[in-house]
Amino acid sequence: MQALCAAVLSLFLIATSVLAGGPVVVVEEPPVVVEEGAASSQGLLPWLMVPLVICIVMCGSNEDE
């Protein structure tokens, strides 16, 4: 019985080291640099320009031709 327990224990210890896996490699990722775009890239400037252009076209000058 003692020989059986010793064999099972030795197989258990060997099997855990065999199935433990490979070396752990730590890879540091480079920092991500996020650059902010211009204010016009946000889409605000075109929305401000559209009413201005419409006002210039609609108001125009009051010259009689």
Protein backbone atom coordinates (compact mmCIF):
# COMPACT_ATOMS: atom_id res chain seq x y z
CA MET A 1 0.00 0.00 0.00
CA GLN A 2 2.86 2.33 0.83
CA ALA A 3 4.49 1.66 -2.53
CA LEU A 4 1.23 2.46 -4.33
CA CYS A 5 0.83 5.74 -2.43
CA ALA A 6 4.45 6.67 -3.17
CA ALA A 7 4.00 5.88 -6.87
CA VAL A 8 0.78 7.90 -7.10
CA LEU A 9 2.36 10.81 -5.23
CA SER A 10 5.46 10.80 -7.46
CA LEU A 11 3.30 10.64 -10.61
CA PHE A 12 1.20 13.51 -9.30
CA LEU A 13 4.28 15.65 -8.64
CA ILE A 14 5.83 14.85 -12.02
CA ALA A 15 2.58 15.44 -13.91
CA THR A 16 2.03 18.87 -12.37
CA SER A 17 5.50 20.05 -13.41
CA VAL A 18 5.08 18.64 -16.93
CA LEU A 19 1.72 20.34 -17.45
CA ALA A 20 2.75 23.60 -15.79
CA GLY A 21 3.34 25.45 -19.06
CA GLY A 22 6.17 27.42 -20.57
CA PRO A 23 8.04 30.47 -19.41
CA VAL A 24 6.15 33.69 -18.80
CA VAL A 25 7.20 36.45 -21.18
CA VAL A 26 6.16 39.95 -20.21
CA VAL A 27 5.85 42.26 -23.20
CA GLU A 28 5.34 45.93 -22.51
CA GLU A 29 3.22 47.68 -25.11
CA PRO A 30 4.40 51.06 -26.33
CA PRO A 31 2.33 53.98 -25.05
CA VAL A 32 -0.41 55.14 -27.38
CA VAL A 33 -0.05 58.80 -28.36
CA VAL A 34 -3.36 60.44 -29.15
CA GLU A 35 -3.14 63.81 -30.83
CA GLU A 36 -6.09 66.14 -30.65
CA GLY A 37 -7.33 67.42 -33.97
CA ALA A 38 -8.22 70.97 -34.85
CA ALA A 39 -11.51 72.42 -33.65
CA SER A 40 -12.85 72.38 -37.20
CA SER A 41 -12.38 68.63 -37.39
CA GLN A 42 -15.08 68.25 -34.74
CA GLY A 43 -17.71 69.40 -37.21
CA LEU A 44 -18.57 72.64 -35.40
CA LEU A 45 -17.10 75.08 -37.90
CA PRO A 46 -19.12 73.87 -40.92
CA TRP A 47 -22.33 74.18 -38.92
CA LEU A 48 -21.42 77.78 -38.09
CA MET A 49 -20.46 78.59 -41.68
CA VAL A 50 -23.69 77.31 -43.28
CA PRO A 51 -26.01 79.90 -41.62
CA LEU A 52 -23.48 82.65 -42.38
CA VAL A 53 -23.39 81.78 -46.08
CA ILE A 54 -27.18 81.48 -46.20
CA CYS A 55 -27.53 84.88 -44.55
CA ILE A 56 -25.12 86.47 -47.02
CA VAL A 57 -26.97 84.97 -49.97
CA MET A 58 -30.48 85.76 -48.70
CA CYS A 59 -29.80 89.23 -47.32
CA GLY A 60 -27.53 90.35 -50.15
CA SER A 61 -27.50 93.97 -51.07
CA ASN A 62 -30.60 96.01 -51.80
CA GLU A 63 -29.23 97.55 -54.99
CA ASP A 64 -31.69 97.98 -57.82
CA GLU A 65 -30.36 96.74 -61.09
